[in-house]
C-alpha atoms as a PDB file:
ATOM      1  CA  MET A   1      68.889  23.636  49.137  1.00  0.00           C
ATOM      2  CA  GLU A   2      67.458  26.465  47.027  1.00  0.00           C
ATOM      3  CA  ARG A   3      64.508  28.207  48.612  1.00  0.00           C
ATOM      4  CA  MET A   4      61.131  27.628  47.021  1.00  0.00           C
ATOM      5  CA  ALA A   5      60.034  30.240  44.488  1.00  0.00           C
ATOM      6  CA  VAL A   6      57.044  32.293  45.613  1.00  0.00           C
ATOM      7  CA  ILE A   7      56.898  34.335  42.388  1.00  0.00           C
ATOM      8  CA  GLU A   8      57.801  32.951  38.956  1.00  0.00           C
ATOM      9  CA  VAL A   9      57.432  35.195  35.911  1.00  0.00           C
ATOM     10  CA  GLN A  10      58.423  34.227  32.376  1.00  0.00           C
ATOM     11  CA  ASP A  11      58.270  36.569  29.352  1.00  0.00           C
ATOM     12  CA  LEU A  12      55.558  38.805  30.839  1.00  0.00           C
ATOM     13  CA  ARG A  13      53.977  41.199  28.335  1.00  0.00           C
ATOM     14  CA  LYS A  14      51.319  43.914  28.564  1.00  0.00           C
ATOM     15  CA  ARG A  15      50.190  46.557  26.078  1.00  0.00           C
ATOM     16  CA  TYR A  16      47.760  49.474  26.318  1.00  0.00           C
ATOM     17  CA  GLY A  17      46.731  50.121  22.733  1.00  0.00           C
ATOM     18  CA  PRO A  18      49.882  51.061  20.815  1.00  0.00           C
ATOM     19  CA  HIS A  19      51.902  51.514  24.031  1.00  0.00           C
ATOM     20  CA  THR A  20      53.963  48.620  25.371  1.00  0.00           C
ATOM     21  CA  ALA A  21      54.062  48.824  29.168  1.00  0.00           C
ATOM     22  CA  VAL A  22      55.831  45.519  29.891  1.00  0.00           C
ATOM     23  CA  GLU A  23      57.759  43.463  27.372  1.00  0.00           C
ATOM     24  CA  GLY A  24      59.551  40.218  28.164  1.00  0.00           C
ATOM     25  CA  VAL A  25      59.935  40.548  31.946  1.00  0.00           C
ATOM     26  CA  THR A  26      61.293  37.382  33.543  1.00  0.00           C
ATOM     27  CA  LEU A  27      62.034  37.106  37.262  1.00  0.00           C
ATOM     28  CA  THR A  28      61.918  34.755  40.237  1.00  0.00           C
ATOM     29  CA  VAL A  29      61.443  35.673  43.894  1.00  0.00           C
ATOM     30  CA  ALA A  30      62.241  33.110  46.603  1.00  0.00           C
ATOM     31  CA  ARG A  31      60.426  32.645  49.892  1.00  0.00           C
ATOM     32  CA  GLY A  32      61.633  35.055  52.565  1.00  0.00           C
ATOM     33  CA  GLU A  33      63.269  37.464  50.130  1.00  0.00           C
ATOM     34  CA  VAL A  34      62.780  41.203  50.167  1.00  0.00           C
ATOM     35  CA  PHE A  35      62.792  41.908  46.439  1.00  0.00           C
ATOM     36  CA  GLY A  36      63.155  45.518  45.346  1.00  0.00           C
ATOM     37  CA  LEU A  37      61.677  46.691  42.056  1.00  0.00           C
ATOM     38  CA  LEU A  38      63.118  50.007  40.873  1.00  0.00           C
ATOM     39  CA  GLY A  39      62.465  52.152  37.847  1.00  0.00           C
ATOM     40  CA  PRO A  40      61.376  55.628  36.769  1.00  0.00           C
ATOM     41  CA  ASN A  41      57.739  56.568  36.295  1.00  0.00           C
ATOM     42  CA  GLY A  42      56.352  54.783  33.246  1.00  0.00           C
ATOM     43  CA  ALA A  43      58.913  51.969  33.418  1.00  0.00           C
ATOM     44  CA  GLY A  44      56.272  49.261  33.935  1.00  0.00           C
ATOM     45  CA  LYS A  45      56.596  48.746  37.700  1.00  0.00           C
ATOM     46  CA  THR A  46      52.962  49.360  38.589  1.00  0.00           C
ATOM     47  CA  THR A  47      51.662  47.237  35.726  1.00  0.00           C
ATOM     48  CA  THR A  48      53.978  44.367  36.651  1.00  0.00           C
ATOM     49  CA  VAL A  49      53.002  44.489  40.322  1.00  0.00           C
ATOM     50  CA  GLU A  50      49.274  44.731  39.548  1.00  0.00           C
ATOM     51  CA  ILE A  51      49.545  41.615  37.368  1.00  0.00           C
ATOM     52  CA  LEU A  52      51.288  39.782  40.203  1.00  0.00           C
ATOM     53  CA  GLU A  53      48.541  40.910  42.586  1.00  0.00           C
ATOM     54  CA  GLY A  54      45.828  39.648  40.248  1.00  0.00           C
ATOM     55  CA  TYR A  55      44.341  43.088  39.562  1.00  0.00           C
ATOM     56  CA  ARG A  56      45.384  43.361  35.923  1.00  0.00           C
ATOM     57  CA  ARG A  57      45.288  40.882  33.037  1.00  0.00           C
ATOM     58  CA  ARG A  58      48.445  40.180  31.092  1.00  0.00           C
ATOM     59  CA  ASP A  59      48.682  39.878  27.324  1.00  0.00           C
ATOM     60  CA  GLY A  60      51.336  37.185  27.301  1.00  0.00           C
ATOM     61  CA  GLY A  61      53.798  35.170  29.340  1.00  0.00           C
ATOM     62  CA  THR A  62      53.336  32.935  32.374  1.00  0.00           C
ATOM     63  CA  VAL A  63      52.954  34.026  35.999  1.00  0.00           C
ATOM     64  CA  ARG A  64      52.814  31.897  39.139  1.00  0.00           C
ATOM     65  CA  VAL A  65      52.363  33.530  42.539  1.00  0.00           C
ATOM     66  CA  LEU A  66      52.159  31.277  45.601  1.00  0.00           C
ATOM     67  CA  GLY A  67      51.736  28.389  43.175  1.00  0.00           C
ATOM     68  CA  GLU A  68      48.734  29.847  41.322  1.00  0.00           C
ATOM     69  CA  ASP A  69      48.018  32.017  38.314  1.00  0.00           C
ATOM     70  CA  PRO A  70      46.938  35.334  39.899  1.00  0.00           C
ATOM     71  CA  GLY A  71      44.678  36.030  36.935  1.00  0.00           C
ATOM     72  CA  HIS A  72      42.432  33.129  37.983  1.00  0.00           C
ATOM     73  CA  ALA A  73      43.096  32.790  41.726  1.00  0.00           C
ATOM     74  CA  GLY A  74      40.264  32.926  44.245  1.00  0.00           C
ATOM     75  CA  ARG A  75      39.507  34.276  47.695  1.00  0.00           C
ATOM     76  CA  ARG A  76      41.689  31.795  49.574  1.00  0.00           C
ATOM     77  CA  TRP A  77      44.706  32.848  47.509  1.00  0.00           C
ATOM     78  CA  ARG A  78      43.965  36.516  48.151  1.00  0.00           C
ATOM     79  CA  SER A  79      43.915  35.903  51.900  1.00  0.00           C
ATOM     80  CA  ARG A  80      47.563  34.827  51.638  1.00  0.00           C
ATOM     81  CA  ILE A  81      48.797  38.129  50.220  1.00  0.00           C
ATOM     82  CA  GLY A  82      48.963  41.637  51.647  1.00  0.00           C
ATOM     83  CA  ILE A  83      48.973  44.831  49.604  1.00  0.00           C
ATOM     84  CA  VAL A  84      50.013  48.358  50.534  1.00  0.00           C
ATOM     85  CA  PRO A  85      49.038  50.452  47.473  1.00  0.00           C
ATOM     86  CA  GLN A  86      50.095  54.033  46.838  1.00  0.00           C
ATOM     87  CA  GLY A  87      46.640  55.496  47.502  1.00  0.00           C
ATOM     88  CA  ALA A  88      45.159  55.869  50.993  1.00  0.00           C
ATOM     89  CA  GLN A  89      42.224  53.729  52.079  1.00  0.00           C
ATOM     90  CA  ASP A  90      38.811  55.222  52.915  1.00  0.00           C
ATOM     91  CA  GLY A  91      36.880  54.834  56.175  1.00  0.00           C
ATOM     92  CA  GLY A  92      37.131  58.364  57.551  1.00  0.00           C
ATOM     93  CA  GLU A  93      34.465  58.054  60.283  1.00  0.00           C
ATOM     94  CA  LEU A  94      36.094  55.003  61.867  1.00  0.00           C
ATOM     95  CA  THR A  95      38.922  55.231  64.375  1.00  0.00           C
ATOM     96  CA  VAL A  96      42.277  53.688  63.587  1.00  0.00           C
ATOM     97  CA  ARG A  97      41.619  50.839  66.035  1.00  0.00           C
ATOM     98  CA  GLU A  98      38.124  50.199  64.648  1.00  0.00           C
ATOM     99  CA  TYR A  99      39.336  50.132  61.081  1.00  0.00           C
ATOM    100  CA  VAL A 100      42.309  47.830  61.694  1.00  0.00           C
ATOM    101  CA  ARG A 101      40.132  45.443  63.743  1.00  0.00           C
ATOM    102  CA  HIS A 102      37.437  45.508  61.053  1.00  0.00           C
ATOM    103  CA  VAL A 103      39.873  44.555  58.310  1.00  0.00           C
ATOM    104  CA  ALA A 104      41.450  41.901  60.540  1.00  0.00           C
ATOM    105  CA  GLY A 105      38.078  40.148  60.556  1.00  0.00           C
ATOM    106  CA  PHE A 106      38.406  39.389  56.842  1.00  0.00           C
ATOM    107  CA  TYR A 107      41.385  37.074  57.389  1.00  0.00           C
ATOM    108  CA  PRO A 108      41.482  33.557  58.809  1.00  0.00           C
ATOM    109  CA  ARG A 109      44.599  34.110  60.962  1.00  0.00           C
ATOM    110  CA  PRO A 110      45.192  37.852  61.418  1.00  0.00           C
ATOM    111  CA  ARG A 111      47.986  39.431  63.421  1.00  0.00           C
ATOM    112  CA  ASP A 112      47.069  41.076  66.729  1.00  0.00           C
ATOM    113  CA  PRO A 113      45.571  44.499  65.850  1.00  0.00           C
ATOM    114  CA  GLU A 114      47.090  46.297  68.831  1.00  0.00           C
ATOM    115  CA  THR A 115      50.555  44.974  67.993  1.00  0.00           C
ATOM    116  CA  VAL A 116      50.200  46.043  64.369  1.00  0.00           C
ATOM    117  CA  ILE A 117      48.991  49.510  65.381  1.00  0.00           C
ATOM    118  CA  GLU A 118      51.984  49.942  67.655  1.00  0.00           C
ATOM    119  CA  ARG A 119      54.541  48.639  65.144  1.00  0.00           C
ATOM    120  CA  CYS A 120      53.222  51.068  62.533  1.00  0.00           C
ATOM    121  CA  GLY A 121      53.695  54.036  64.871  1.00  0.00           C
ATOM    122  CA  LEU A 122      49.979  54.595  65.456  1.00  0.00           C
ATOM    123  CA  ALA A 123      49.597  53.816  69.161  1.00  0.00           C
ATOM    124  CA  GLU A 124      48.957  57.450  70.097  1.00  0.00           C
ATOM    125  CA  LYS A 125      46.373  57.765  67.305  1.00  0.00           C
ATOM    126  CA  ALA A 126      44.567  54.461  67.858  1.00  0.00           C
ATOM    127  CA  GLY A 127      41.412  56.230  69.088  1.00  0.00           C
ATOM    128  CA  ALA A 128      41.494  58.997  66.465  1.00  0.00           C
ATOM    129  CA  LYS A 129      39.159  59.033  63.466  1.00  0.00           C
ATOM    130  CA  LEU A 130      40.836  58.468  60.124  1.00  0.00           C
ATOM    131  CA  ARG A 131      39.592  61.779  58.729  1.00  0.00           C
ATOM    132  CA  THR A 132      41.594  63.655  61.400  1.00  0.00           C
ATOM    133  CA  LEU A 133      44.926  62.058  60.512  1.00  0.00           C
ATOM    134  CA  SER A 134      47.711  63.674  58.558  1.00  0.00           C
ATOM    135  CA  GLY A 135      48.811  62.239  55.214  1.00  0.00           C
ATOM    136  CA  GLY A 136      51.767  60.463  56.802  1.00  0.00           C
ATOM    137  CA  GLN A 137      49.559  58.973  59.524  1.00  0.00           C
ATOM    138  CA  ARG A 138      47.076  57.750  56.930  1.00  0.00           C
ATOM    139  CA  ARG A 139      49.980  56.097  55.147  1.00  0.00           C
ATOM    140  CA  ARG A 140      50.816  54.197  58.323  1.00  0.00           C
ATOM    141  CA  VAL A 141      47.208  52.971  58.419  1.00  0.00           C
ATOM    142  CA  ASP A 142      47.661  51.652  54.859  1.00  0.00           C
ATOM    143  CA  VAL A 143      50.706  49.709  56.023  1.00  0.00           C
ATOM    144  CA  ALA A 144      48.808  48.350  59.039  1.00  0.00           C
ATOM    145  CA  LEU A 145      46.015  47.089  56.763  1.00  0.00           C
ATOM    146  CA  GLY A 146      48.561  45.467  54.465  1.00  0.00           C
ATOM    147  CA  ILE A 147      50.139  43.372  57.202  1.00  0.00           C
ATOM    148  CA  ILE A 148      47.149  42.694  59.480  1.00  0.00           C
ATOM    149  CA  GLY A 149      46.325  39.439  57.679  1.00  0.00           C
ATOM    150  CA  ASP A 150      49.786  38.016  58.418  1.00  0.00           C
ATOM    151  CA  PRO A 151      50.409  37.493  54.682  1.00  0.00           C
ATOM    152  CA  GLU A 152      52.826  35.015  53.157  1.00  0.00           C
ATOM    153  CA  LEU A 153      53.540  37.550  50.413  1.00  0.00           C
ATOM    154  CA  LEU A 154      53.452  41.310  50.932  1.00  0.00           C
ATOM    155  CA  PHE A 155      53.464  43.957  48.191  1.00  0.00           C
ATOM    156  CA  LEU A 156      54.707  47.367  49.353  1.00  0.00           C
ATOM    157  CA  ASP A 157      54.288  50.276  46.935  1.00  0.00           C
ATOM    158  CA  GLU A 158      56.141  53.343  48.258  1.00  0.00           C
ATOM    159  CA  PRO A 159      55.287  52.281  51.836  1.00  0.00           C
ATOM    160  CA  THR A 160      57.095  54.976  53.850  1.00  0.00           C
ATOM    161  CA  THR A 161      55.988  58.084  51.965  1.00  0.00           C
ATOM    162  CA  GLY A 162      55.229  60.696  54.626  1.00  0.00           C
ATOM    163  CA  PHE A 163      56.929  58.821  57.472  1.00  0.00           C
ATOM    164  CA  ASP A 164      59.214  60.776  59.766  1.00  0.00           C
ATOM    165  CA  PRO A 165      62.754  59.325  60.159  1.00  0.00           C
ATOM    166  CA  GLU A 166      62.072  57.601  63.495  1.00  0.00           C
ATOM    167  CA  VAL A 167      58.900  55.826  62.326  1.00  0.00           C
ATOM    168  CA  ARG A 168      60.559  55.004  59.016  1.00  0.00           C
ATOM    169  CA  ARG A 169      63.409  53.197  60.771  1.00  0.00           C
ATOM    170  CA  ALA A 170      60.933  51.375  63.028  1.00  0.00           C
ATOM    171  CA  PHE A 171      59.070  50.255  59.906  1.00  0.00           C
ATOM    172  CA  TRP A 172      62.325  48.958  58.422  1.00  0.00           C
ATOM    173  CA  SER A 173      62.751  46.859  61.549  1.00  0.00           C
ATOM    174  CA  LEU A 174      59.232  45.463  61.100  1.00  0.00           C
ATOM    175  CA  ILE A 175      59.978  44.509  57.481  1.00  0.00           C
ATOM    176  CA  ARG A 176      63.168  42.728  58.533  1.00  0.00           C
ATOM    177  CA  ASP A 177      61.234  40.834  61.219  1.00  0.00           C
ATOM    178  CA  LEU A 178      58.552  39.791  58.709  1.00  0.00           C
ATOM    179  CA  ALA A 179      61.196  38.566  56.271  1.00  0.00           C
ATOM    180  CA  ALA A 180      63.005  36.679  59.034  1.00  0.00           C
ATOM    181  CA  ASP A 181      59.702  34.919  59.822  1.00  0.00           C
ATOM    182  CA  GLY A 182      59.422  33.803  56.177  1.00  0.00           C
ATOM    183  CA  THR A 183      57.239  36.525  54.679  1.00  0.00           C
ATOM    184  CA  THR A 184      58.190  37.301  51.089  1.00  0.00           C
ATOM    185  CA  ILE A 185      58.145  41.019  50.281  1.00  0.00           C
ATOM    186  CA  VAL A 186      58.070  42.880  46.971  1.00  0.00           C
ATOM    187  CA  LEU A 187      59.070  46.495  47.531  1.00  0.00           C
ATOM    188  CA  THR A 188      58.818  49.414  45.135  1.00  0.00           C
ATOM    189  CA  SER A 189      60.287  52.658  46.405  1.00  0.00           C
ATOM    190  CA  HIS A 190      61.903  55.846  45.160  1.00  0.00           C
ATOM    191  CA  TYR A 191      63.980  55.943  48.359  1.00  0.00           C
ATOM    192  CA  LEU A 192      67.142  54.175  47.247  1.00  0.00           C
ATOM    193  CA  ASP A 193      68.505  54.126  50.794  1.00  0.00           C
ATOM    194  CA  GLU A 194      65.377  52.194  51.796  1.00  0.00           C
ATOM    195  CA  VAL A 195      65.864  49.634  49.043  1.00  0.00           C
ATOM    196  CA  GLU A 196      69.548  49.291  49.898  1.00  0.00           C
ATOM    197  CA  ALA A 197      68.738  48.806  53.593  1.00  0.00           C
ATOM    198  CA  LEU A 198      65.966  46.238  53.075  1.00  0.00           C
ATOM    199  CA  ALA A 199      66.277  44.392  49.760  1.00  0.00           C
ATOM    200  CA  THR A 200      68.146  41.109  49.486  1.00  0.00           C
ATOM    201  CA  ARG A 201      67.863  41.358  45.683  1.00  0.00           C
ATOM    202  CA  LEU A 202      66.519  43.917  43.268  1.00  0.00           C
ATOM    203  CA  ALA A 203      65.717  44.503  39.626  1.00  0.00           C
ATOM    204  CA  VAL A 204      65.723  47.744  37.639  1.00  0.00           C
ATOM    205  CA  LEU A 205      62.961  48.256  35.070  1.00  0.00           C
ATOM    206  CA  ALA A 206      63.257  50.702  32.187  1.00  0.00           C
ATOM    207  CA  GLY A 207      61.106  50.834  29.102  1.00  0.00           C
ATOM    208  CA  GLY A 208      59.107  47.806  30.211  1.00  0.00           C
ATOM    209  CA  ARG A 209      62.187  45.574  30.465  1.00  0.00           C
ATOM    210  CA  ILE A 210      64.477  44.455  33.259  1.00  0.00           C
ATOM    211  CA  VAL A 211      67.820  46.103  32.502  1.00  0.00           C
ATOM    212  CA  ALA A 212      69.714  44.847  35.560  1.00  0.00           C
ATOM    213  CA  GLU A 213      69.199  42.396  38.408  1.00  0.00           C
ATOM    214  CA  GLY A 214      71.304  41.479  41.422  1.00  0.00           C
ATOM    215  CA  THR A 215      71.956  42.371  45.041  1.00  0.00           C
ATOM    216  CA  PRO A 216      72.104  46.032  46.114  1.00  0.00           C
ATOM    217  CA  GLN A 217      75.856  45.586  46.565  1.00  0.00           C
ATOM    218  CA  THR A 218      76.612  44.061  43.150  1.00  0.00           C
ATOM    219  CA  ILE A 219      73.962  45.280  40.693  1.00  0.00           C
ATOM    220  CA  GLY A 220      75.330  46.934  37.586  1.00  0.00           C
ATOM    221  CA  GLY A 221      78.908  45.976  38.460  1.00  0.00           C
ATOM    222  CA  ARG A 222      78.785  48.170  41.538  1.00  0.00           C
ATOM    223  CA  THR A 223      81.474  46.325  43.537  1.00  0.00           C
ATOM    224  CA  ALA A 224      83.890  46.227  40.609  1.00  0.00           C
ATOM    225  CA  GLU A 225      84.059  49.979  40.023  1.00  0.00           C
ATOM    226  CA  SER A 226      85.052  53.005  42.058  1.00  0.00           C
ATOM    227  CA  ILE A 227      84.666  56.737  41.610  1.00  0.00           C
ATOM    228  CA  VAL A 228      87.926  58.702  41.698  1.00  0.00           C
ATOM    229  CA  SER A 229      87.381  62.441  42.111  1.00  0.00           C
ATOM    230  CA  TRP A 230      89.804  65.328  42.478  1.00  0.00           C
ATOM    231  CA  ARG A 231      90.333  68.992  41.739  1.00  0.00           C
ATOM    232  CA  ASP A 232      93.107  70.420  39.564  1.00  0.00           C
ATOM    233  CA  GLY A 233      93.777  73.498  37.441  1.00  0.00           C
ATOM    234  CA  ASP A 234      90.878  72.571  35.148  1.00  0.00           C
ATOM    235  CA  GLY A 235      88.405  72.347  38.013  1.00  0.00           C
ATOM    236  CA  PRO A 236      86.617  69.312  39.551  1.00  0.00           C
ATOM    237  CA  GLN A 237      87.268  65.947  37.864  1.00  0.00           C
ATOM    238  CA  ARG A 238      85.544  62.579  38.184  1.00  0.00           C
ATOM    239  CA  VAL A 239      86.372  59.162  36.707  1.00  0.00           C
ATOM    240  CA  VAL A 240      84.588  55.824  37.126  1.00  0.00           C
ATOM    241  CA  THR A 241      87.113  52.983  36.929  1.00  0.00           C
ATOM    242  CA  ASP A 242      87.606  49.342  37.868  1.00  0.00           C
ATOM    243  CA  ALA A 243      91.357  49.991  38.308  1.00  0.00           C
ATOM    244  CA  PRO A 244      91.767  53.016  40.594  1.00  0.00           C
ATOM    245  CA  LEU A 245      95.370  52.341  41.702  1.00  0.00           C
ATOM    246  CA  PRO A 246      97.122  53.217  38.399  1.00  0.00           C
ATOM    247  CA  LEU A 247      95.035  56.395  38.159  1.00  0.00           C
ATOM    248  CA  LEU A 248      95.928  57.343  41.728  1.00  0.00           C
ATOM    249  CA  ALA A 249      99.628  56.801  40.972  1.00  0.00           C
ATOM    250  CA  THR A 250      99.355  59.050  37.928  1.00  0.00           C
ATOM    251  CA  LEU A 251      97.528  61.771  39.827  1.00  0.00           C
ATOM    252  CA  THR A 252      99.866  61.800  42.833  1.00  0.00           C
ATOM    253  CA  GLY A 253     102.882  61.933  40.484  1.00  0.00           C
ATOM    254  CA  ARG A 254     101.698  65.034  38.684  1.00  0.00           C
ATOM    255  CA  ALA A 255     103.791  68.184  38.856  1.00  0.00           C
ATOM    256  CA  THR A 256     100.655  70.312  39.045  1.00  0.00           C
ATOM    257  CA  ALA A 257      98.649  70.429  42.249  1.00  0.00           C
ATOM    258  CA  VAL A 258      95.890  67.858  42.758  1.00  0.00           C
ATOM    259  CA  THR A 259      93.576  68.492  45.699  1.00  0.00           C
ATOM    260  CA  ASP A 260      90.467  66.903  47.225  1.00  0.00           C
ATOM    261  CA  LEU A 261      91.524  63.471  45.929  1.00  0.00           C
ATOM    262  CA  ARG A 262      88.960  60.815  46.890  1.00  0.00           C
ATOM    263  CA  VAL A 263      88.198  57.202  46.035  1.00  0.00           C
ATOM    264  CA  GLN A 264      84.657  56.011  46.711  1.00  0.00           C
ATOM    265  CA  PRO A 265      82.605  52.983  45.672  1.00  0.00           C
ATOM    266  CA  ARG A 266      79.756  53.763  43.317  1.00  0.00           C
ATOM    267  CA  SER A 267      76.540  54.317  45.208  1.00  0.00           C
ATOM    268  CA  LEU A 268      73.306  52.543  44.364  1.00  0.00           C
ATOM    269  CA  GLU A 269      72.019  55.905  43.177  1.00  0.00           C
ATOM    270  CA  ASP A 270      74.980  56.252  40.762  1.00  0.00           C
ATOM    271  CA  VAL A 271      74.323  52.816  39.291  1.00  0.00           C
ATOM    272  CA  TYR A 272      70.559  53.323  39.104  1.00  0.00           C
ATOM    273  CA  LEU A 273      70.815  56.655  37.302  1.00  0.00           C
ATOM    274  CA  GLU A 274      73.287  55.204  34.819  1.00  0.00           C
ATOM    275  CA  LEU A 275      71.051  52.217  34.100  1.00  0.00           C
ATOM    276  CA  ILE A 276      67.878  54.193  33.481  1.00  0.00           C
ATOM    277  CA  GLY A 277      69.805  56.818  31.520  1.00  0.00           C
ATOM    278  CA  GLU A 278      71.207  54.174  29.173  1.00  0.00           C
ATOM    279  CA  ASN A 279      67.773  52.644  28.609  1.00  0.00           C
ATOM    280  CA  ARG A 280      65.497  55.619  28.095  1.00  0.00           C
END
């Protein structure tokens, strides 16, 4: 049985004066998915996410999030979503523990504050005032506030900026646990390795439109094509092909020397850069 859709968007449109930020975006996100939204700056990611969160009005199209139109949803609906925005939260004179507990009080069924603090790598800073934290530590507080309400739907906008590798991997584990428990997650990130590690599906936005959608393994025909690279008398060579074997036979049969011959699948970064380059 197909999982229930948590987000349904049809022909979403938004303009700012003469500038079209989003034009004709259509997507569906199922319960329990980690859905990655990729795109360069100005592609329409932030506008799309803010419309889904209910913070920005759309000019056209239909949007349903957790069964409601976010443009008209009330407080009860907002208690069911969590948001980790790009900017840090205020509250500099409070300690980490005080702030997380304070925000937990706004939700009907919050997660345990001490558990959240620990999972976000803040246990050693729980008694420290927010104004004394580094930028990366403040970012962890943002994440803690986003998940403290035990949301059904969680929006993560560049969540691990400033995280060191160990805390970043621990955060990945937390996201996987949340998804396994049924939390739906929309993730925007410039770390393609993060999206590849976490997302079950993703979409690439460019020029306000979705230019590709699929799994991290298949998007943009990724599984069908390989990169063949080598070095010969003309220097380094590189060919993207869906039929590497005939090319390899040709190269190995050459009379001239061919060195550093390699066959590799296209990376997510390769596919992403090609997609946004074609749609600028």
